[in-house]
């Protein structure tokens, strides 16, 4: 799924919500499914990775060219500076 298709699908989900055709939970599921499909359809060198381990990073999904790059992006997304004195969470990244 390309970006334009993903945006159109999200717009359709929002329109259905605004018109009362679906509730908030249904809209959230639909938008999450669009995002999940979009994220797993990347071509080229980048891949989708999911963090598995300690909170607050567990379940974080990022796009990166390698597992080490994915680890950096997961930490950045959680607002964690690995160079700081604070102990980083323990986690692995699995390719989705």
N, C-alpha and C. Protein backbone atom coordinates (compact mmCIF):
# COMPACT_ATOMS: atom_id res chain seq x y z
N UNK A 1 0.85 -1.17 0.00
CA UNK A 1 0.00 0.00 0.00
C UNK A 1 0.90 1.23 0.00
N UNK A 2 0.65 2.16 -0.92
CA UNK A 2 1.45 3.38 -0.95
C UNK A 2 0.84 4.42 0.00
N UNK A 3 1.56 5.50 0.17
CA UNK A 3 1.14 6.53 1.12
C UNK A 3 -0.22 7.12 0.77
N UNK A 4 -0.46 7.39 -0.50
CA UNK A 4 -1.73 7.99 -0.92
C UNK A 4 -2.89 7.05 -0.61
N UNK A 5 -2.73 5.77 -0.90
CA UNK A 5 -3.78 4.79 -0.59
C UNK A 5 -4.03 4.72 0.91
N UNK A 6 -2.96 4.75 1.69
CA UNK A 6 -3.11 4.70 3.15
C UNK A 6 -3.88 5.92 3.64
N UNK A 7 -3.53 7.09 3.13
CA UNK A 7 -4.24 8.31 3.55
C UNK A 7 -5.71 8.27 3.15
N UNK A 8 -5.99 7.77 1.97
CA UNK A 8 -7.39 7.66 1.53
C UNK A 8 -8.16 6.70 2.43
N UNK A 9 -7.53 5.59 2.79
CA UNK A 9 -8.20 4.63 3.67
C UNK A 9 -8.46 5.21 5.05
N UNK A 10 -7.51 5.99 5.57
CA UNK A 10 -7.71 6.65 6.86
C UNK A 10 -8.83 7.67 6.75
N UNK A 11 -8.84 8.44 5.65
CA UNK A 11 -9.92 9.41 5.44
C UNK A 11 -11.28 8.72 5.37
N UNK A 12 -11.34 7.57 4.71
CA UNK A 12 -12.60 6.82 4.65
C UNK A 12 -13.05 6.38 6.03
N UNK A 13 -12.11 5.94 6.85
CA UNK A 13 -12.44 5.53 8.21
C UNK A 13 -12.96 6.71 9.04
N UNK A 14 -12.31 7.86 8.89
CA UNK A 14 -12.75 9.04 9.62
C UNK A 14 -14.12 9.51 9.15
N UNK A 15 -14.35 9.46 7.86
CA UNK A 15 -15.64 9.86 7.30
C UNK A 15 -16.75 8.95 7.84
N UNK A 16 -16.49 7.66 7.90
CA UNK A 16 -17.48 6.72 8.43
C UNK A 16 -17.78 7.03 9.89
N UNK A 17 -16.75 7.39 10.64
CA UNK A 17 -16.94 7.75 12.05
C UNK A 17 -17.78 9.02 12.16
N UNK A 18 -17.44 10.04 11.37
CA UNK A 18 -18.17 11.31 11.41
C UNK A 18 -19.64 11.14 11.04
N UNK A 19 -19.91 10.21 10.13
CA UNK A 19 -21.29 10.00 9.67
C UNK A 19 -22.04 9.01 10.54
N UNK A 20 -21.41 8.53 11.61
CA UNK A 20 -22.07 7.63 12.54
C UNK A 20 -22.20 6.20 12.05
N UNK A 21 -21.45 5.86 11.01
CA UNK A 21 -21.52 4.50 10.47
C UNK A 21 -20.72 3.50 11.31
N UNK A 22 -19.82 4.01 12.13
CA UNK A 22 -19.00 3.16 13.00
C UNK A 22 -18.69 3.92 14.28
N UNK A 23 -18.31 3.19 15.31
CA UNK A 23 -17.97 3.83 16.58
C UNK A 23 -16.46 4.08 16.66
N UNK A 24 -16.02 4.66 17.75
CA UNK A 24 -14.60 4.99 17.91
C UNK A 24 -13.72 3.75 17.90
N UNK A 25 -14.14 2.70 18.58
CA UNK A 25 -13.33 1.47 18.62
C UNK A 25 -13.16 0.88 17.21
N UNK A 26 -14.22 0.88 16.44
CA UNK A 26 -14.14 0.38 15.08
C UNK A 26 -13.24 1.23 14.21
N UNK A 27 -13.31 2.54 14.40
CA UNK A 27 -12.45 3.45 13.65
C UNK A 27 -10.99 3.23 14.02
N UNK A 28 -10.72 3.07 15.30
CA UNK A 28 -9.34 2.81 15.74
C UNK A 28 -8.80 1.52 15.14
N UNK A 29 -9.60 0.47 15.13
CA UNK A 29 -9.17 -0.80 14.53
C UNK A 29 -8.87 -0.63 13.05
N UNK A 30 -9.73 0.09 12.35
CA UNK A 30 -9.56 0.27 10.91
C UNK A 30 -8.30 1.08 10.61
N UNK A 31 -8.09 2.16 11.35
CA UNK A 31 -6.90 3.00 11.13
C UNK A 31 -5.64 2.21 11.49
N UNK A 32 -5.67 1.45 12.56
CA UNK A 32 -4.51 0.63 12.94
C UNK A 32 -4.20 -0.40 11.86
N UNK A 33 -5.23 -0.99 11.27
CA UNK A 33 -5.01 -1.97 10.21
C UNK A 33 -4.39 -1.31 8.98
N UNK A 34 -4.82 -0.10 8.66
CA UNK A 34 -4.23 0.63 7.54
C UNK A 34 -2.76 0.90 7.82
N UNK A 35 -2.46 1.38 9.00
CA UNK A 35 -1.07 1.68 9.35
C UNK A 35 -0.21 0.42 9.34
N UNK A 36 -0.73 -0.67 9.88
CA UNK A 36 0.00 -1.93 9.90
C UNK A 36 0.30 -2.40 8.47
N UNK A 37 -0.68 -2.31 7.60
CA UNK A 37 -0.48 -2.72 6.21
C UNK A 37 0.53 -1.81 5.52
N UNK A 38 0.40 -0.52 5.74
CA UNK A 38 1.33 0.44 5.14
C UNK A 38 2.76 0.16 5.59
N UNK A 39 2.94 -0.06 6.88
CA UNK A 39 4.28 -0.26 7.44
C UNK A 39 4.93 -1.55 6.95
N UNK A 40 4.15 -2.56 6.69
CA UNK A 40 4.73 -3.84 6.27
C UNK A 40 4.93 -3.95 4.77
N UNK A 41 4.51 -2.94 4.02
CA UNK A 41 4.65 -2.97 2.56
C UNK A 41 5.84 -2.17 2.05
N UNK A 42 6.80 -1.84 2.89
CA UNK A 42 7.95 -1.06 2.44
C UNK A 42 8.80 -1.86 1.48
N UNK A 43 9.32 -1.17 0.48
CA UNK A 43 10.26 -1.76 -0.46
C UNK A 43 11.64 -1.17 -0.20
N UNK A 44 12.66 -1.80 -0.76
CA UNK A 44 14.00 -1.25 -0.63
C UNK A 44 14.74 -1.78 0.57
N UNK A 45 15.66 -0.98 1.07
CA UNK A 45 16.55 -1.40 2.15
C UNK A 45 15.90 -1.35 3.53
N UNK A 46 14.87 -0.56 3.70
CA UNK A 46 14.25 -0.41 5.01
C UNK A 46 13.31 -1.57 5.31
N UNK A 47 13.25 -1.92 6.59
CA UNK A 47 12.39 -3.01 7.06
C UNK A 47 11.65 -2.53 8.31
N UNK A 48 10.61 -3.23 8.64
CA UNK A 48 9.83 -2.91 9.83
C UNK A 48 10.30 -3.80 10.97
N UNK A 49 10.54 -3.18 12.13
CA UNK A 49 10.99 -3.90 13.32
C UNK A 49 10.06 -3.57 14.49
N UNK A 50 9.86 -4.55 15.38
CA UNK A 50 9.06 -4.36 16.59
C UNK A 50 9.95 -4.65 17.80
N UNK A 51 9.89 -3.77 18.79
CA UNK A 51 10.66 -3.95 20.02
C UNK A 51 9.94 -4.94 20.93
N UNK A 52 10.70 -5.87 21.50
CA UNK A 52 10.16 -6.86 22.43
C UNK A 52 11.03 -6.84 23.67
N UNK A 53 10.43 -6.50 24.80
CA UNK A 53 11.21 -6.44 26.04
C UNK A 53 10.55 -5.55 27.07
N UNK A 54 11.39 -4.79 27.76
CA UNK A 54 10.93 -3.95 28.86
C UNK A 54 10.11 -2.76 28.38
N UNK A 55 9.24 -2.30 29.28
CA UNK A 55 8.53 -1.03 29.05
C UNK A 55 9.55 0.09 29.24
N UNK A 56 9.44 1.20 28.60
CA UNK A 56 8.31 1.65 27.79
C UNK A 56 8.46 1.37 26.30
N UNK A 57 9.43 0.57 25.92
CA UNK A 57 9.67 0.36 24.49
C UNK A 57 8.94 -0.86 23.92
N UNK A 58 8.50 -1.77 24.77
CA UNK A 58 7.85 -3.00 24.29
C UNK A 58 6.70 -2.67 23.35
N UNK A 59 6.72 -3.28 22.17
CA UNK A 59 5.65 -3.08 21.20
C UNK A 59 5.86 -1.94 20.23
N UNK A 60 6.89 -1.13 20.45
CA UNK A 60 7.17 -0.01 19.56
C UNK A 60 7.58 -0.56 18.19
N UNK A 61 7.01 -0.02 17.14
CA UNK A 61 7.30 -0.45 15.77
C UNK A 61 7.98 0.70 15.04
N UNK A 62 9.11 0.40 14.40
CA UNK A 62 9.86 1.40 13.65
C UNK A 62 10.28 0.84 12.30
N UNK A 63 10.67 1.73 11.41
CA UNK A 63 11.22 1.36 10.11
C UNK A 63 12.69 1.75 10.12
N UNK A 64 13.55 0.80 9.76
CA UNK A 64 14.99 1.05 9.77
C UNK A 64 15.67 0.12 8.78
N UNK A 65 16.93 0.44 8.47
CA UNK A 65 17.68 -0.37 7.51
C UNK A 65 18.35 -1.58 8.14
N UNK A 66 18.46 -1.59 9.49
CA UNK A 66 19.11 -2.71 10.18
C UNK A 66 18.60 -2.79 11.61
N UNK A 67 18.91 -3.90 12.26
CA UNK A 67 18.50 -4.07 13.66
C UNK A 67 19.14 -3.02 14.57
N UNK A 68 20.46 -2.73 14.43
CA UNK A 68 21.04 -1.69 15.27
C UNK A 68 20.38 -0.31 15.06
N UNK A 69 20.08 0.00 13.80
CA UNK A 69 19.41 1.27 13.53
C UNK A 69 18.00 1.27 14.13
N UNK A 70 17.35 0.12 14.09
CA UNK A 70 16.01 0.01 14.68
C UNK A 70 16.07 0.23 16.18
N UNK A 71 17.07 -0.33 16.85
CA UNK A 71 17.24 -0.13 18.30
C UNK A 71 17.36 1.36 18.62
N UNK A 72 18.15 2.07 17.82
CA UNK A 72 18.32 3.51 18.04
C UNK A 72 17.00 4.25 17.86
N UNK A 73 16.24 3.87 16.84
CA UNK A 73 14.97 4.54 16.58
C UNK A 73 13.94 4.24 17.68
N UNK A 74 13.96 3.02 18.19
CA UNK A 74 13.04 2.66 19.28
C UNK A 74 13.35 3.51 20.51
N UNK A 75 14.62 3.61 20.85
CA UNK A 75 15.00 4.43 22.01
C UNK A 75 14.62 5.90 21.80
N UNK A 76 14.88 6.40 20.60
CA UNK A 76 14.54 7.80 20.30
C UNK A 76 13.03 8.02 20.40
N UNK A 77 12.24 7.07 19.89
CA UNK A 77 10.79 7.20 19.95
C UNK A 77 10.28 7.23 21.38
N UNK A 78 10.99 6.55 22.28
CA UNK A 78 10.61 6.53 23.70
C UNK A 78 11.21 7.70 24.47
N UNK A 79 12.01 8.51 23.78
CA UNK A 79 12.64 9.66 24.44
C UNK A 79 13.77 9.27 25.36
N UNK A 80 14.44 8.16 25.06
CA UNK A 80 15.53 7.66 25.89
C UNK A 80 16.85 7.93 25.22
N UNK A 81 17.76 8.57 25.94
CA UNK A 81 19.10 8.84 25.43
C UNK A 81 20.03 7.74 25.94
N UNK A 82 20.49 6.85 25.05
CA UNK A 82 21.34 5.73 25.50
C UNK A 82 22.69 6.19 26.04
N UNK A 83 23.09 7.41 25.76
CA UNK A 83 24.36 7.94 26.25
C UNK A 83 24.23 8.51 27.66
N UNK A 84 23.02 8.72 28.11
CA UNK A 84 22.80 9.27 29.45
C UNK A 84 23.11 8.22 30.51
N UNK A 85 23.21 8.67 31.75
CA UNK A 85 23.52 7.77 32.86
C UNK A 85 22.34 6.86 33.22
N UNK A 86 21.17 7.16 32.71
CA UNK A 86 19.99 6.37 33.02
C UNK A 86 20.10 5.01 32.31
N UNK A 87 19.74 3.95 33.01
CA UNK A 87 19.81 2.62 32.43
C UNK A 87 18.73 2.46 31.37
N UNK A 88 19.13 2.04 30.19
CA UNK A 88 18.18 1.82 29.09
C UNK A 88 17.41 0.53 29.33
N UNK A 89 16.17 0.46 28.82
CA UNK A 89 15.41 -0.78 28.97
C UNK A 89 16.06 -1.91 28.19
N UNK A 90 15.84 -3.12 28.65
CA UNK A 90 16.34 -4.31 27.96
C UNK A 90 15.32 -4.74 26.92
N UNK A 91 15.76 -4.83 25.66
CA UNK A 91 14.82 -5.25 24.61
C UNK A 91 15.60 -5.74 23.38
N UNK A 92 14.90 -6.51 22.57
CA UNK A 92 15.38 -6.95 21.26
C UNK A 92 14.47 -6.35 20.22
N UNK A 93 14.91 -6.34 18.98
CA UNK A 93 14.05 -5.93 17.88
C UNK A 93 13.89 -7.11 16.93
N UNK A 94 12.64 -7.39 16.59
CA UNK A 94 12.33 -8.47 15.67
C UNK A 94 11.79 -7.88 14.38
N UNK A 95 12.26 -8.41 13.27
CA UNK A 95 11.76 -7.95 11.99
C UNK A 95 10.32 -8.45 11.81
N UNK A 96 9.44 -7.57 11.41
CA UNK A 96 8.02 -7.90 11.25
C UNK A 96 7.79 -8.40 9.84
